[in-house]
C-alpha atoms as a PDB file:
ATOM      1  CA  UNK A   1      17.995  -2.474  -9.118  1.00  0.00           C
ATOM      2  CA  UNK A   2      16.093  -4.269  -6.381  1.00  0.00           C
ATOM      3  CA  UNK A   3      12.299  -4.079  -6.597  1.00  0.00           C
ATOM      4  CA  UNK A   4      10.645  -4.442  -3.198  1.00  0.00           C
ATOM      5  CA  UNK A   5       6.958  -4.759  -2.390  1.00  0.00           C
ATOM      6  CA  UNK A   6       6.016  -3.251   0.986  1.00  0.00           C
ATOM      7  CA  UNK A   7       2.625  -3.994   2.481  1.00  0.00           C
ATOM      8  CA  UNK A   8       0.730  -4.294   5.750  1.00  0.00           C
ATOM      9  CA  UNK A   9      -2.795  -4.138   7.060  1.00  0.00           C
ATOM     10  CA  UNK A  10      -4.495  -0.813   7.655  1.00  0.00           C
ATOM     11  CA  UNK A  11      -3.211   0.643  10.915  1.00  0.00           C
ATOM     12  CA  UNK A  12      -0.136  -1.618  10.977  1.00  0.00           C
ATOM     13  CA  UNK A  13       2.231   1.312  10.456  1.00  0.00           C
ATOM     14  CA  UNK A  14       3.312   0.650   6.875  1.00  0.00           C
ATOM     15  CA  UNK A  15       3.483   4.370   6.085  1.00  0.00           C
ATOM     16  CA  UNK A  16       5.944   4.957   8.924  1.00  0.00           C
ATOM     17  CA  UNK A  17       8.142   2.112   7.666  1.00  0.00           C
ATOM     18  CA  UNK A  18       8.047   3.452   4.111  1.00  0.00           C
ATOM     19  CA  UNK A  19       9.039   6.892   5.415  1.00  0.00           C
ATOM     20  CA  UNK A  20      11.979   5.411   7.314  1.00  0.00           C
ATOM     21  CA  UNK A  21      13.115   3.408   4.281  1.00  0.00           C
ATOM     22  CA  UNK A  22      12.981   6.549   2.149  1.00  0.00           C
ATOM     23  CA  UNK A  23      15.158   8.312   4.737  1.00  0.00           C
ATOM     24  CA  UNK A  24      17.660   5.455   4.383  1.00  0.00           C
ATOM     25  CA  UNK A  25      17.823   6.036   0.632  1.00  0.00           C
ATOM     26  CA  UNK A  26      15.076   3.951  -0.936  1.00  0.00           C
ATOM     27  CA  UNK A  27      13.290   5.187  -4.046  1.00  0.00           C
ATOM     28  CA  UNK A  28       9.707   5.137  -2.758  1.00  0.00           C
ATOM     29  CA  UNK A  29       6.774   4.531  -5.073  1.00  0.00           C
ATOM     30  CA  UNK A  30       3.584   5.090  -3.069  1.00  0.00           C
ATOM     31  CA  UNK A  31       0.575   3.314  -4.570  1.00  0.00           C
ATOM     32  CA  UNK A  32      -1.858   5.295  -2.400  1.00  0.00           C
ATOM     33  CA  UNK A  33      -0.466   8.611  -3.611  1.00  0.00           C
ATOM     34  CA  UNK A  34      -0.556   7.440  -7.211  1.00  0.00           C
ATOM     35  CA  UNK A  35      -4.120   6.213  -6.672  1.00  0.00           C
ATOM     36  CA  UNK A  36      -5.076   9.767  -5.720  1.00  0.00           C
ATOM     37  CA  UNK A  37      -3.279  11.191  -8.737  1.00  0.00           C
ATOM     38  CA  UNK A  38      -5.040   8.938 -11.256  1.00  0.00           C
ATOM     39  CA  UNK A  39      -8.494  10.075 -10.050  1.00  0.00           C
ATOM     40  CA  UNK A  40      -7.669  13.774  -9.755  1.00  0.00           C
ATOM     41  CA  UNK A  41     -10.133  16.229 -11.346  1.00  0.00           C
ATOM     42  CA  UNK A  42     -10.013  16.092 -15.118  1.00  0.00           C
ATOM     43  CA  UNK A  43      -8.511  12.604 -15.349  1.00  0.00           C
ATOM     44  CA  UNK A  44     -10.033   9.660 -17.225  1.00  0.00           C
ATOM     45  CA  UNK A  45      -9.817   7.754 -13.941  1.00  0.00           C
ATOM     46  CA  UNK A  46     -12.169  10.123 -12.148  1.00  0.00           C
ATOM     47  CA  UNK A  47     -14.576  10.081 -15.092  1.00  0.00           C
ATOM     48  CA  UNK A  48     -14.679   6.271 -14.913  1.00  0.00           C
ATOM     49  CA  UNK A  49     -15.347   6.317 -11.156  1.00  0.00           C
ATOM     50  CA  UNK A  50     -18.213   8.796 -11.576  1.00  0.00           C
ATOM     51  CA  UNK A  51     -19.668   6.701 -14.375  1.00  0.00           C
ATOM     52  CA  UNK A  52     -19.596   3.623 -12.132  1.00  0.00           C
ATOM     53  CA  UNK A  53     -20.812   5.166  -8.861  1.00  0.00           C
ATOM     54  CA  UNK A  54     -22.659   8.331  -9.818  1.00  0.00           C
ATOM     55  CA  UNK A  55     -22.010  12.058  -9.290  1.00  0.00           C
ATOM     56  CA  UNK A  56     -22.753  11.767  -5.577  1.00  0.00           C
ATOM     57  CA  UNK A  57     -19.149  10.604  -5.061  1.00  0.00           C
ATOM     58  CA  UNK A  58     -17.932  14.068  -6.074  1.00  0.00           C
ATOM     59  CA  UNK A  59     -17.230  16.850  -3.603  1.00  0.00           C
ATOM     60  CA  UNK A  60     -18.488  20.376  -4.260  1.00  0.00           C
ATOM     61  CA  UNK A  61     -15.192  21.359  -5.889  1.00  0.00           C
ATOM     62  CA  UNK A  62     -15.400  18.482  -8.371  1.00  0.00           C
ATOM     63  CA  UNK A  63     -12.788  16.324  -6.665  1.00  0.00           C
ATOM     64  CA  UNK A  64     -13.430  12.792  -5.475  1.00  0.00           C
ATOM     65  CA  UNK A  65     -15.197  12.636  -2.104  1.00  0.00           C
ATOM     66  CA  UNK A  66     -13.097   9.817  -0.674  1.00  0.00           C
ATOM     67  CA  UNK A  67     -15.010   9.324   2.604  1.00  0.00           C
ATOM     68  CA  UNK A  68     -18.270   9.085   0.640  1.00  0.00           C
ATOM     69  CA  UNK A  69     -16.827   6.610  -1.847  1.00  0.00           C
ATOM     70  CA  UNK A  70     -15.216   4.626   0.957  1.00  0.00           C
ATOM     71  CA  UNK A  71     -18.507   4.298   2.820  1.00  0.00           C
ATOM     72  CA  UNK A  72     -20.011   2.813  -0.353  1.00  0.00           C
ATOM     73  CA  UNK A  73     -17.335   0.375  -1.437  1.00  0.00           C
ATOM     74  CA  UNK A  74     -16.120  -0.966   1.893  1.00  0.00           C
ATOM     75  CA  UNK A  75     -19.629  -2.037   2.817  1.00  0.00           C
ATOM     76  CA  UNK A  76     -20.094  -4.070  -0.382  1.00  0.00           C
ATOM     77  CA  UNK A  77     -17.303  -6.281  -1.779  1.00  0.00           C
ATOM     78  CA  UNK A  78     -18.803  -6.213  -5.275  1.00  0.00           C
ATOM     79  CA  UNK A  79     -18.569  -2.431  -5.430  1.00  0.00           C
ATOM     80  CA  UNK A  80     -15.033  -2.488  -4.062  1.00  0.00           C
ATOM     81  CA  UNK A  81     -14.112  -4.888  -6.874  1.00  0.00           C
ATOM     82  CA  UNK A  82     -15.545  -2.447  -9.427  1.00  0.00           C
ATOM     83  CA  UNK A  83     -13.499   0.420  -7.989  1.00  0.00           C
ATOM     84  CA  UNK A  84     -10.350  -1.698  -7.962  1.00  0.00           C
ATOM     85  CA  UNK A  85     -10.877  -2.687 -11.598  1.00  0.00           C
ATOM     86  CA  UNK A  86     -10.804   1.012 -12.511  1.00  0.00           C
ATOM     87  CA  UNK A  87      -7.978   2.261 -10.321  1.00  0.00           C
ATOM     88  CA  UNK A  88      -5.500  -0.617 -10.100  1.00  0.00           C
ATOM     89  CA  UNK A  89      -4.521  -0.795 -13.797  1.00  0.00           C
ATOM     90  CA  UNK A  90      -3.893   2.963 -13.793  1.00  0.00           C
ATOM     91  CA  UNK A  91      -1.776   2.722 -10.645  1.00  0.00           C
ATOM     92  CA  UNK A  92       0.185  -0.223 -12.041  1.00  0.00           C
ATOM     93  CA  UNK A  93       1.021   1.589 -15.253  1.00  0.00           C
ATOM     94  CA  UNK A  94       2.227   4.717 -13.432  1.00  0.00           C
ATOM     95  CA  UNK A  95       4.250   2.659 -10.945  1.00  0.00           C
ATOM     96  CA  UNK A  96       6.076   0.904 -13.762  1.00  0.00           C
ATOM     97  CA  UNK A  97       6.918   4.274 -15.323  1.00  0.00           C
ATOM     98  CA  UNK A  98       8.434   5.508 -12.064  1.00  0.00           C
ATOM     99  CA  UNK A  99      10.439   2.329 -11.494  1.00  0.00           C
ATOM    100  CA  UNK A 100      11.849   2.485 -15.024  1.00  0.00           C
ATOM    101  CA  UNK A 101      13.069   6.012 -14.300  1.00  0.00           C
ATOM    102  CA  UNK A 102      14.969   4.979 -11.131  1.00  0.00           C
ATOM    103  CA  UNK A 103      18.783   4.544 -11.175  1.00  0.00           C
ATOM    104  CA  UNK A 104      20.113   1.099 -12.083  1.00  0.00           C
ATOM    105  CA  UNK A 105      21.521   0.526  -8.581  1.00  0.00           C
ATOM    106  CA  UNK A 106      18.445   1.746  -6.694  1.00  0.00           C
ATOM    107  CA  UNK A 107      16.437  -0.066  -4.058  1.00  0.00           C
ATOM    108  CA  UNK A 108      12.905   0.693  -5.241  1.00  0.00           C
ATOM    109  CA  UNK A 109      10.246   0.224  -2.559  1.00  0.00           C
ATOM    110  CA  UNK A 110       6.672  -0.053  -3.790  1.00  0.00           C
ATOM    111  CA  UNK A 111       4.310   0.870  -0.935  1.00  0.00           C
ATOM    112  CA  UNK A 112       1.253  -1.221  -1.877  1.00  0.00           C
ATOM    113  CA  UNK A 113      -1.587  -1.585   0.671  1.00  0.00           C
ATOM    114  CA  UNK A 114      -3.420  -4.347  -1.242  1.00  0.00           C
ATOM    115  CA  UNK A 115      -0.403  -6.327  -2.409  1.00  0.00           C
ATOM    116  CA  UNK A 116      -1.608  -9.580  -0.853  1.00  0.00           C
ATOM    117  CA  UNK A 117      -5.235  -9.110  -1.859  1.00  0.00           C
ATOM    118  CA  UNK A 118      -4.366  -8.639  -5.514  1.00  0.00           C
ATOM    119  CA  UNK A 119      -1.763 -11.386  -5.806  1.00  0.00           C
ATOM    120  CA  UNK A 120       1.022  -8.918  -6.678  1.00  0.00           C
ATOM    121  CA  UNK A 121       3.928 -10.600  -4.852  1.00  0.00           C
ATOM    122  CA  UNK A 122       5.389 -12.104  -8.073  1.00  0.00           C
ATOM    123  CA  UNK A 123       5.971  -8.590  -9.421  1.00  0.00           C
ATOM    124  CA  UNK A 124       8.746  -7.917  -6.880  1.00  0.00           C
ATOM    125  CA  UNK A 125      12.149  -9.357  -6.050  1.00  0.00           C
ATOM    126  CA  UNK A 126      11.025  -9.645  -2.451  1.00  0.00           C
ATOM    127  CA  UNK A 127       8.122  -8.647  -0.222  1.00  0.00           C
ATOM    128  CA  UNK A 128       8.277  -6.900   3.151  1.00  0.00           C
ATOM    129  CA  UNK A 129       5.241  -7.170   5.419  1.00  0.00           C
ATOM    130  CA  UNK A 130       4.730  -4.698   8.268  1.00  0.00           C
ATOM    131  CA  UNK A 131       2.951  -6.751  10.910  1.00  0.00           C
ATOM    132  CA  UNK A 132       0.868  -5.693  13.894  1.00  0.00           C
ATOM    133  CA  UNK A 133      -1.797  -7.454  15.897  1.00  0.00           C
ATOM    134  CA  UNK A 134      -5.457  -6.783  15.012  1.00  0.00           C
ATOM    135  CA  UNK A 135      -5.852  -5.205  18.440  1.00  0.00           C
ATOM    136  CA  UNK A 136      -3.055  -2.751  17.694  1.00  0.00           C
ATOM    137  CA  UNK A 137      -4.515  -1.966  14.283  1.00  0.00           C
ATOM    138  CA  UNK A 138      -7.958  -1.273  15.740  1.00  0.00           C
ATOM    139  CA  UNK A 139      -6.561   0.941  18.492  1.00  0.00           C
ATOM    140  CA  UNK A 140      -4.565   3.038  16.009  1.00  0.00           C
ATOM    141  CA  UNK A 141      -7.470   3.454  13.611  1.00  0.00           C
ATOM    142  CA  UNK A 142      -9.858   4.598  16.360  1.00  0.00           C
ATOM    143  CA  UNK A 143      -7.419   6.607  18.483  1.00  0.00           C
ATOM    144  CA  UNK A 144      -5.174   8.133  15.824  1.00  0.00           C
ATOM    145  CA  UNK A 145      -7.357   8.317  12.716  1.00  0.00           C
ATOM    146  CA  UNK A 146     -10.648   9.059  14.438  1.00  0.00           C
ATOM    147  CA  UNK A 147     -12.572   6.181  12.872  1.00  0.00           C
ATOM    148  CA  UNK A 148     -15.522   4.608  14.607  1.00  0.00           C
ATOM    149  CA  UNK A 149     -14.861   1.080  15.769  1.00  0.00           C
ATOM    150  CA  UNK A 150     -17.453  -0.204  13.303  1.00  0.00           C
ATOM    151  CA  UNK A 151     -15.804   1.544  10.360  1.00  0.00           C
ATOM    152  CA  UNK A 152     -12.341   0.433  11.454  1.00  0.00           C
ATOM    153  CA  UNK A 153     -13.416  -3.193  11.710  1.00  0.00           C
ATOM    154  CA  UNK A 154     -15.067  -2.997   8.274  1.00  0.00           C
ATOM    155  CA  UNK A 155     -11.876  -1.628   6.712  1.00  0.00           C
ATOM    156  CA  UNK A 156      -9.823  -4.366   8.338  1.00  0.00           C
ATOM    157  CA  UNK A 157     -12.267  -7.074   7.243  1.00  0.00           C
ATOM    158  CA  UNK A 158     -12.094  -5.855   3.638  1.00  0.00           C
ATOM    159  CA  UNK A 159      -8.371  -6.632   3.538  1.00  0.00           C
ATOM    160  CA  UNK A 160      -6.402  -9.853   3.547  1.00  0.00           C
ATOM    161  CA  UNK A 161      -5.987 -11.594   6.881  1.00  0.00           C
ATOM    162  CA  UNK A 162      -2.824 -11.273   8.897  1.00  0.00           C
ATOM    163  CA  UNK A 163      -1.978 -14.882   8.030  1.00  0.00           C
ATOM    164  CA  UNK A 164      -2.425 -14.285   4.293  1.00  0.00           C
ATOM    165  CA  UNK A 165      -0.007 -11.364   4.377  1.00  0.00           C
ATOM    166  CA  UNK A 166       2.607 -13.257   6.362  1.00  0.00           C
ATOM    167  CA  UNK A 167       2.449 -16.145   3.871  1.00  0.00           C
ATOM    168  CA  UNK A 168       3.897 -13.925   1.110  1.00  0.00           C
ATOM    169  CA  UNK A 169       6.526 -12.215   3.291  1.00  0.00           C
ATOM    170  CA  UNK A 170      10.229 -12.558   2.621  1.00  0.00           C
ATOM    171  CA  UNK A 171      10.937 -10.096   5.439  1.00  0.00           C
ATOM    172  CA  UNK A 172       8.614  -9.274   8.358  1.00  0.00           C
ATOM    173  CA  UNK A 173       8.861  -6.024  10.322  1.00  0.00           C
ATOM    174  CA  UNK A 174       7.104  -6.287  13.685  1.00  0.00           C
ATOM    175  CA  UNK A 175       5.375  -2.994  14.493  1.00  0.00           C
ATOM    176  CA  UNK A 176       3.905  -3.907  17.846  1.00  0.00           C
ATOM    177  CA  UNK A 177       6.954  -2.096  19.234  1.00  0.00           C
ATOM    178  CA  UNK A 178       8.028   1.426  20.278  1.00  0.00           C
ATOM    179  CA  UNK A 179       9.168   3.792  17.520  1.00  0.00           C
ATOM    180  CA  UNK A 180      12.845   3.658  18.454  1.00  0.00           C
ATOM    181  CA  UNK A 181      12.834  -0.119  18.214  1.00  0.00           C
ATOM    182  CA  UNK A 182      11.027   0.074  14.877  1.00  0.00           C
ATOM    183  CA  UNK A 183      13.670   2.474  13.596  1.00  0.00           C
ATOM    184  CA  UNK A 184      16.476   0.060  14.503  1.00  0.00           C
ATOM    185  CA  UNK A 185      14.695  -2.809  12.761  1.00  0.00           C
ATOM    186  CA  UNK A 186      14.176  -0.757   9.596  1.00  0.00           C
ATOM    187  CA  UNK A 187      17.887   0.079   9.487  1.00  0.00           C
ATOM    188  CA  UNK A 188      18.679  -3.645   9.746  1.00  0.00           C
ATOM    189  CA  UNK A 189      16.286  -4.366   6.885  1.00  0.00           C
ATOM    190  CA  UNK A 190      17.777  -1.548   4.813  1.00  0.00           C
ATOM    191  CA  UNK A 191      21.248  -3.040   5.162  1.00  0.00           C
ATOM    192  CA  UNK A 192      19.854  -6.356   3.925  1.00  0.00           C
ATOM    193  CA  UNK A 193      18.151  -4.682   0.963  1.00  0.00           C
ATOM    194  CA  UNK A 194      21.356  -2.916  -0.061  1.00  0.00           C
ATOM    195  CA  UNK A 195      23.243  -6.206   0.152  1.00  0.00           C
ATOM    196  CA  UNK A 196      20.664  -7.951  -2.027  1.00  0.00           C
ATOM    197  CA  UNK A 197      20.655  -5.101  -4.537  1.00  0.00           C
ATOM    198  CA  UNK A 198      24.357  -5.727  -5.108  1.00  0.00           C
ATOM    199  CA  UNK A 199      23.846  -9.409  -5.885  1.00  0.00           C
ATOM    200  CA  UNK A 200      23.506 -10.686  -9.489  1.00  0.00           C
ATOM    201  CA  UNK A 201      20.018 -10.237 -10.872  1.00  0.00           C
ATOM    202  CA  UNK A 202      17.708 -13.058  -9.875  1.00  0.00           C
ATOM    203  CA  UNK A 203      14.971 -14.740 -11.821  1.00  0.00           C
ATOM    204  CA  UNK A 204      11.455 -13.393 -11.115  1.00  0.00           C
ATOM    205  CA  UNK A 205       9.533 -14.851  -8.191  1.00  0.00           C
ATOM    206  CA  UNK A 206       7.440 -17.897  -9.016  1.00  0.00           C
END
């Protein structure tokens, strides 16, 4: 098994790369999706979030009001740290369960938005960073996701810098390119991942 960490700044196109890798045959473990699962209605995770931030972060149906919570935590780093301390251990535990269940010869890709921020690179055999310029990120967030420029810049500022992500990269996928070119690059990377998965097991990253 090859355990791969996949990350990239918001708006860099990491989700598209993870989708393409899954099409190639990767076992995809999506930290964002798991993060939603662990705070679903009725979970201990949601109860802990409400205890920390108050019932105003709940929607009328009792689910987590993500835009409301996001507007709170991304404006104040201390509150974001509190949220992360609740959610990240739950996500980590579930991710490990899913990886353990994967076939022995699988390429397991962990889609982890905050891999760099949380110092998680040593958990993986290698790290792939999806890279795009800040200008590209901002354009995608405003044009495609409908964010205000102010909100988009705040989300970007809450993450690691481009340079910090590239420092931990074993493989970089440039996503300042057209989709067809991105697809070709992902296929090249997939071939490399399959080759590495067939090599003798390496020692963990330092």
